[in-house]
Amino acid sequence: MNGLLSRGCQETSLFNDQISGGNTSLRLARVNLQDQGRYLCYASTSQYNQETFVTLTVRDHVIVPMK
């Protein structure tokens, strides 16, 4: 996600064990209200490139234990 790290998101990770099944979700941790906004997501493989815009909405502060 372009720009997210420079805005304050401190941790990002993929669900590596689920990528082969098509889950390319990106986990964001420690986002701030200021991180809210529209982002361009870009993914590429040896076979194709794809990009799309997503909107990140940050709601009330909730602590979720990481597994």
PDB file of N, CA and C in Angstrom:
ATOM      1  N   MET A   1       0.853  -1.164   0.000  1.00  0.00           N
ATOM      2  CA  MET A   1       0.000   0.000   0.000  1.00  0.00           C
ATOM      3  C   MET A   1       0.899   1.227   0.000  1.00  0.00           C
ATOM      4  N   ASN A   2       0.829   1.937  -1.030  1.00  0.00           N
ATOM      5  CA  ASN A   2       1.704   3.091  -1.178  1.00  0.00           C
ATOM      6  C   ASN A   2       1.422   4.146  -0.119  1.00  0.00           C
ATOM      7  N   GLY A   3       2.470   4.588   0.583  1.00  0.00           N
ATOM      8  CA  GLY A   3       2.335   5.687   1.502  1.00  0.00           C
ATOM      9  C   GLY A   3       1.993   5.300   2.926  1.00  0.00           C
ATOM     10  N   LEU A   4       1.548   4.095   3.158  1.00  0.00           N
ATOM     11  CA  LEU A   4       1.073   3.746   4.491  1.00  0.00           C
ATOM     12  C   LEU A   4       2.196   3.758   5.518  1.00  0.00           C
ATOM     13  N   LEU A   5       3.319   3.194   5.184  1.00  0.00           N
ATOM     14  CA  LEU A   5       4.407   3.155   6.158  1.00  0.00           C
ATOM     15  C   LEU A   5       4.880   4.552   6.527  1.00  0.00           C
ATOM     16  N   SER A   6       4.906   5.438   5.568  1.00  0.00           N
ATOM     17  CA  SER A   6       5.362   6.787   5.868  1.00  0.00           C
ATOM     18  C   SER A   6       4.360   7.561   6.709  1.00  0.00           C
ATOM     19  N   ARG A   7       3.128   7.070   6.803  1.00  0.00           N
ATOM     20  CA  ARG A   7       2.115   7.751   7.602  1.00  0.00           C
ATOM     21  C   ARG A   7       2.037   7.221   9.026  1.00  0.00           C
ATOM     22  N   GLY A   8       2.726   6.139   9.353  1.00  0.00           N
ATOM     23  CA  GLY A   8       2.732   5.719  10.741  1.00  0.00           C
ATOM     24  C   GLY A   8       2.399   4.273  11.017  1.00  0.00           C
ATOM     25  N   CYS A   9       1.952   3.511  10.035  1.00  0.00           N
ATOM     26  CA  CYS A   9       1.694   2.101  10.285  1.00  0.00           C
ATOM     27  C   CYS A   9       3.024   1.436  10.605  1.00  0.00           C
ATOM     28  N   GLN A  10       3.080   0.763  11.741  1.00  0.00           N
ATOM     29  CA  GLN A  10       4.352   0.243  12.211  1.00  0.00           C
ATOM     30  C   GLN A  10       4.601  -1.216  11.833  1.00  0.00           C
ATOM     31  N   GLU A  11       3.556  -1.956  11.506  1.00  0.00           N
ATOM     32  CA  GLU A  11       3.748  -3.365  11.182  1.00  0.00           C
ATOM     33  C   GLU A  11       2.810  -3.787  10.062  1.00  0.00           C
ATOM     34  N   THR A  12       3.368  -4.481   9.076  1.00  0.00           N
ATOM     35  CA  THR A  12       2.561  -5.082   8.024  1.00  0.00           C
ATOM     36  C   THR A  12       3.014  -6.518   7.851  1.00  0.00           C
ATOM     37  N   SER A  13       2.086  -7.387   7.455  1.00  0.00           N
ATOM     38  CA  SER A  13       2.457  -8.777   7.179  1.00  0.00           C
ATOM     39  C   SER A  13       1.415  -9.401   6.269  1.00  0.00           C
ATOM     40  N   LEU A  14       1.849 -10.417   5.552  1.00  0.00           N
ATOM     41  CA  LEU A  14       0.968 -11.208   4.709  1.00  0.00           C
ATOM     42  C   LEU A  14       0.632 -12.505   5.430  1.00  0.00           C
ATOM     43  N   PHE A  15      -0.403 -13.170   4.983  1.00  0.00           N
ATOM     44  CA  PHE A  15      -0.753 -14.490   5.489  1.00  0.00           C
ATOM     45  C   PHE A  15      -0.052 -15.503   4.573  1.00  0.00           C
ATOM     46  N   ASN A  16       1.255 -15.651   4.758  1.00  0.00           N
ATOM     47  CA  ASN A  16       2.085 -16.433   3.840  1.00  0.00           C
ATOM     48  C   ASN A  16       1.583 -17.850   3.621  1.00  0.00           C
ATOM     49  N   ASP A  17       1.030 -18.471   4.648  1.00  0.00           N
ATOM     50  CA  ASP A  17       0.551 -19.846   4.516  1.00  0.00           C
ATOM     51  C   ASP A  17      -0.741 -19.944   3.715  1.00  0.00           C
ATOM     52  N   GLN A  18      -1.352 -18.808   3.386  1.00  0.00           N
ATOM     53  CA  GLN A  18      -2.623 -18.814   2.661  1.00  0.00           C
ATOM     54  C   GLN A  18      -2.518 -18.233   1.251  1.00  0.00           C
ATOM     55  N   ILE A  19      -1.345 -17.783   0.871  1.00  0.00           N
ATOM     56  CA  ILE A  19      -1.178 -17.161  -0.445  1.00  0.00           C
ATOM     57  C   ILE A  19      -1.457 -18.159  -1.565  1.00  0.00           C
ATOM     58  N   SER A  20      -1.009 -19.397  -1.419  1.00  0.00           N
ATOM     59  CA  SER A  20      -1.226 -20.387  -2.480  1.00  0.00           C
ATOM     60  C   SER A  20      -2.709 -20.657  -2.716  1.00  0.00           C
ATOM     61  N   GLY A  21      -3.550 -20.397  -1.724  1.00  0.00           N
ATOM     62  CA  GLY A  21      -4.987 -20.554  -1.868  1.00  0.00           C
ATOM     63  C   GLY A  21      -5.680 -19.294  -2.359  1.00  0.00           C
ATOM     64  N   GLY A  22      -4.912 -18.241  -2.636  1.00  0.00           N
ATOM     65  CA  GLY A  22      -5.481 -17.022  -3.188  1.00  0.00           C
ATOM     66  C   GLY A  22      -5.698 -15.894  -2.195  1.00  0.00           C
ATOM     67  N   ASN A  23      -5.373 -16.114  -0.915  1.00  0.00           N
ATOM     68  CA  ASN A  23      -5.553 -15.057   0.084  1.00  0.00           C
ATOM     69  C   ASN A  23      -4.302 -14.182   0.100  1.00  0.00           C
ATOM     70  N   THR A  24      -4.426 -13.004  -0.470  1.00  0.00           N
ATOM     71  CA  THR A  24      -3.297 -12.063  -0.474  1.00  0.00           C
ATOM     72  C   THR A  24      -3.572 -10.875   0.439  1.00  0.00           C
ATOM     73  N   SER A  25      -4.339 -11.132   1.487  1.00  0.00           N
ATOM     74  CA  SER A  25      -4.678 -10.070   2.437  1.00  0.00           C
ATOM     75  C   SER A  25      -3.425  -9.538   3.122  1.00  0.00           C
ATOM     76  N   LEU A  26      -3.460  -8.265   3.418  1.00  0.00           N
ATOM     77  CA  LEU A  26      -2.372  -7.602   4.122  1.00  0.00           C
ATOM     78  C   LEU A  26      -2.858  -7.238   5.510  1.00  0.00           C
ATOM     79  N   ARG A  27      -2.140  -7.690   6.528  1.00  0.00           N
ATOM     80  CA  ARG A  27      -2.490  -7.354   7.915  1.00  0.00           C
ATOM     81  C   ARG A  27      -1.738  -6.088   8.299  1.00  0.00           C
ATOM     82  N   LEU A  28      -2.474  -5.139   8.831  1.00  0.00           N
ATOM     83  CA  LEU A  28      -1.891  -3.879   9.287  1.00  0.00           C
ATOM     84  C   LEU A  28      -2.026  -3.803  10.794  1.00  0.00           C
ATOM     85  N   ALA A  29      -0.953  -3.485  11.468  1.00  0.00           N
ATOM     86  CA  ALA A  29      -0.987  -3.373  12.924  1.00  0.00           C
ATOM     87  C   ALA A  29      -0.531  -1.976  13.328  1.00  0.00           C
ATOM     88  N   ARG A  30      -1.094  -1.520  14.420  1.00  0.00           N
ATOM     89  CA  ARG A  30      -0.739  -0.221  14.991  1.00  0.00           C
ATOM     90  C   ARG A  30      -0.976   0.936  14.034  1.00  0.00           C
ATOM     91  N   VAL A  31      -2.143   0.958  13.428  1.00  0.00           N
ATOM     92  CA  VAL A  31      -2.489   2.097  12.576  1.00  0.00           C
ATOM     93  C   VAL A  31      -3.051   3.212  13.443  1.00  0.00           C
ATOM     94  N   ASN A  32      -2.964   4.406  12.950  1.00  0.00           N
ATOM     95  CA  ASN A  32      -3.464   5.591  13.642  1.00  0.00           C
ATOM     96  C   ASN A  32      -4.611   6.181  12.847  1.00  0.00           C
ATOM     97  N   LEU A  33      -5.380   7.037  13.474  1.00  0.00           N
ATOM     98  CA  LEU A  33      -6.473   7.707  12.791  1.00  0.00           C
ATOM     99  C   LEU A  33      -5.967   8.456  11.562  1.00  0.00           C
ATOM    100  N   GLN A  34      -4.747   8.967  11.637  1.00  0.00           N
ATOM    101  CA  GLN A  34      -4.163   9.705  10.516  1.00  0.00           C
ATOM    102  C   GLN A  34      -3.873   8.804   9.324  1.00  0.00           C
ATOM    103  N   ASP A  35      -3.838   7.474   9.513  1.00  0.00           N
ATOM    104  CA  ASP A  35      -3.590   6.544   8.414  1.00  0.00           C
ATOM    105  C   ASP A  35      -4.821   6.347   7.537  1.00  0.00           C
ATOM    106  N   GLN A  36      -5.960   6.782   8.021  1.00  0.00           N
ATOM    107  CA  GLN A  36      -7.204   6.612   7.289  1.00  0.00           C
ATOM    108  C   GLN A  36      -7.114   7.319   5.940  1.00  0.00           C
ATOM    109  N   GLY A  37      -7.623   6.652   4.913  1.00  0.00           N
ATOM    110  CA  GLY A  37      -7.633   7.291   3.596  1.00  0.00           C
ATOM    111  C   GLY A  37      -7.634   6.274   2.474  1.00  0.00           C
ATOM    112  N   ARG A  38      -7.396   6.762   1.286  1.00  0.00           N
ATOM    113  CA  ARG A  38      -7.407   5.947   0.072  1.00  0.00           C
ATOM    114  C   ARG A  38      -5.978   5.589  -0.304  1.00  0.00           C
ATOM    115  N   TYR A  39      -5.767   4.315  -0.642  1.00  0.00           N
ATOM    116  CA  TYR A  39      -4.439   3.817  -0.989  1.00  0.00           C
ATOM    117  C   TYR A  39      -4.482   3.025  -2.277  1.00  0.00           C
ATOM    118  N   LEU A  40      -3.392   3.050  -2.999  1.00  0.00           N
ATOM    119  CA  LEU A  40      -3.241   2.240  -4.194  1.00  0.00           C
ATOM    120  C   LEU A  40      -2.519   0.962  -3.811  1.00  0.00           C
ATOM    121  N   CYS A  41      -3.142  -0.181  -4.084  1.00  0.00           N
ATOM    122  CA  CYS A  41      -2.521  -1.487  -3.844  1.00  0.00           C
ATOM    123  C   CYS A  41      -2.063  -2.051  -5.176  1.00  0.00           C
ATOM    124  N   TYR A  42      -0.862  -2.565  -5.194  1.00  0.00           N
ATOM    125  CA  TYR A  42      -0.290  -3.107  -6.419  1.00  0.00           C
ATOM    126  C   TYR A  42       0.273  -4.480  -6.122  1.00  0.00           C
ATOM    127  N   ALA A  43      -0.072  -5.459  -6.941  1.00  0.00           N
ATOM    128  CA  ALA A  43       0.446  -6.815  -6.780  1.00  0.00           C
ATOM    129  C   ALA A  43       0.932  -7.309  -8.131  1.00  0.00           C
ATOM    130  N   SER A  44       1.996  -8.075  -8.120  1.00  0.00           N
ATOM    131  CA  SER A  44       2.488  -8.625  -9.375  1.00  0.00           C
ATOM    132  C   SER A  44       3.052 -10.020  -9.149  1.00  0.00           C
ATOM    133  N   THR A  45       2.939 -10.824 -10.169  1.00  0.00           N
ATOM    134  CA  THR A  45       3.557 -12.146 -10.214  1.00  0.00           C
ATOM    135  C   THR A  45       4.286 -12.226 -11.545  1.00  0.00           C
ATOM    136  N   SER A  46       4.882 -13.369 -11.808  1.00  0.00           N
ATOM    137  CA  SER A  46       5.550 -13.536 -13.099  1.00  0.00           C
ATOM    138  C   SER A  46       4.544 -13.573 -14.241  1.00  0.00           C
ATOM    139  N   GLN A  47       3.253 -13.775 -13.921  1.00  0.00           N
ATOM    140  CA  GLN A  47       2.238 -13.919 -14.959  1.00  0.00           C
ATOM    141  C   GLN A  47       1.354 -12.688 -15.148  1.00  0.00           C
ATOM    142  N   TYR A  48       1.210 -11.848 -14.124  1.00  0.00           N
ATOM    143  CA  TYR A  48       0.328 -10.683 -14.281  1.00  0.00           C
ATOM    144  C   TYR A  48       0.645  -9.604 -13.255  1.00  0.00           C
ATOM    145  N   ASN A  49       0.111  -8.427 -13.531  1.00  0.00           N
ATOM    146  CA  ASN A  49       0.182  -7.289 -12.621  1.00  0.00           C
ATOM    147  C   ASN A  49      -1.237  -6.803 -12.382  1.00  0.00           C
ATOM    148  N   GLN A  50      -1.514  -6.371 -11.175  1.00  0.00           N
ATOM    149  CA  GLN A  50      -2.851  -5.845 -10.888  1.00  0.00           C
ATOM    150  C   GLN A  50      -2.726  -4.729  -9.868  1.00  0.00           C
ATOM    151  N   GLU A  51      -3.558  -3.711 -10.040  1.00  0.00           N
ATOM    152  CA  GLU A  51      -3.606  -2.640  -9.054  1.00  0.00           C
ATOM    153  C   GLU A  51      -5.056  -2.238  -8.819  1.00  0.00           C
ATOM    154  N   THR A  52      -5.312  -1.777  -7.617  1.00  0.00           N
ATOM    155  CA  THR A  52      -6.650  -1.325  -7.258  1.00  0.00           C
ATOM    156  C   THR A  52      -6.524  -0.329  -6.113  1.00  0.00           C
ATOM    157  N   PHE A  53      -7.530   0.500  -5.965  1.00  0.00           N
ATOM    158  CA  PHE A  53      -7.573   1.421  -4.841  1.00  0.00           C
ATOM    159  C   PHE A  53      -8.417   0.814  -3.727  1.00  0.00           C
ATOM    160  N   VAL A  54      -7.989   1.013  -2.503  1.00  0.00           N
ATOM    161  CA  VAL A  54      -8.758   0.594  -1.329  1.00  0.00           C
ATOM    162  C   VAL A  54      -8.881   1.784  -0.393  1.00  0.00           C
ATOM    163  N   THR A  55      -9.909   1.758   0.422  1.00  0.00           N
ATOM    164  CA  THR A  55     -10.101   2.804   1.416  1.00  0.00           C
ATOM    165  C   THR A  55      -9.926   2.192   2.795  1.00  0.00           C
ATOM    166  N   LEU A  56      -8.993   2.732   3.553  1.00  0.00           N
ATOM    167  CA  LEU A  56      -8.744   2.283   4.915  1.00  0.00           C
ATOM    168  C   LEU A  56      -9.550   3.153   5.865  1.00  0.00           C
ATOM    169  N   THR A  57     -10.397   2.506   6.668  1.00  0.00           N
ATOM    170  CA  THR A  57     -11.183   3.203   7.674  1.00  0.00           C
ATOM    171  C   THR A  57     -10.686   2.777   9.045  1.00  0.00           C
ATOM    172  N   VAL A  58     -10.326   3.720   9.866  1.00  0.00           N
ATOM    173  CA  VAL A  58      -9.839   3.444  11.220  1.00  0.00           C
ATOM    174  C   VAL A  58     -10.944   3.815  12.190  1.00  0.00           C
ATOM    175  N   ARG A  59     -11.296   2.862  13.046  1.00  0.00           N
ATOM    176  CA  ARG A  59     -12.374   3.094  14.017  1.00  0.00           C
ATOM    177  C   ARG A  59     -11.790   3.151  15.417  1.00  0.00           C
ATOM    178  N   ASP A  60     -12.650   3.064  16.416  1.00  0.00           N
ATOM    179  CA  ASP A  60     -12.224   3.130  17.827  1.00  0.00           C
ATOM    180  C   ASP A  60     -11.020   2.243  18.100  1.00  0.00           C
ATOM    181  N   HIS A  61     -10.229   2.671  19.026  1.00  0.00           N
ATOM    182  CA  HIS A  61      -9.043   1.933  19.438  1.00  0.00           C
ATOM    183  C   HIS A  61      -9.436   0.620  20.099  1.00  0.00           C
ATOM    184  N   VAL A  62      -9.004  -0.477  19.505  1.00  0.00           N
ATOM    185  CA  VAL A  62      -9.277  -1.801  20.046  1.00  0.00           C
ATOM    186  C   VAL A  62      -7.962  -2.561  20.070  1.00  0.00           C
ATOM    187  N   ILE A  63      -7.677  -3.233  21.169  1.00  0.00           N
ATOM    188  CA  ILE A  63      -6.478  -4.051  21.260  1.00  0.00           C
ATOM    189  C   ILE A  63      -6.854  -5.475  20.931  1.00  0.00           C
ATOM    190  N   VAL A  64      -6.276  -6.006  19.852  1.00  0.00           N
ATOM    191  CA  VAL A  64      -6.521  -7.379  19.435  1.00  0.00           C
ATOM    192  C   VAL A  64      -5.234  -8.157  19.612  1.00  0.00           C
ATOM    193  N   PRO A  65      -5.246  -9.223  20.419  1.00  0.00           N
ATOM    194  CA  PRO A  65      -4.008  -9.993  20.602  1.00  0.00           C
ATOM    195  C   PRO A  65      -3.573 -10.628  19.296  1.00  0.00           C
ATOM    196  N   MET A  66      -2.291 -10.525  18.989  1.00  0.00           N
ATOM    197  CA  MET A  66      -1.725 -11.146  17.787  1.00  0.00           C
ATOM    198  C   MET A  66      -1.464 -12.612  18.092  1.00  0.00           C
ATOM    199  N   LYS A  67      -1.781 -13.475  17.146  1.00  0.00           N
ATOM    200  CA  LYS A  67      -1.529 -14.913  17.320  1.00  0.00           C
ATOM    201  C   LYS A  67      -0.160 -15.283  16.857  1.00  0.00           C
TER     202      LYS A  67
END
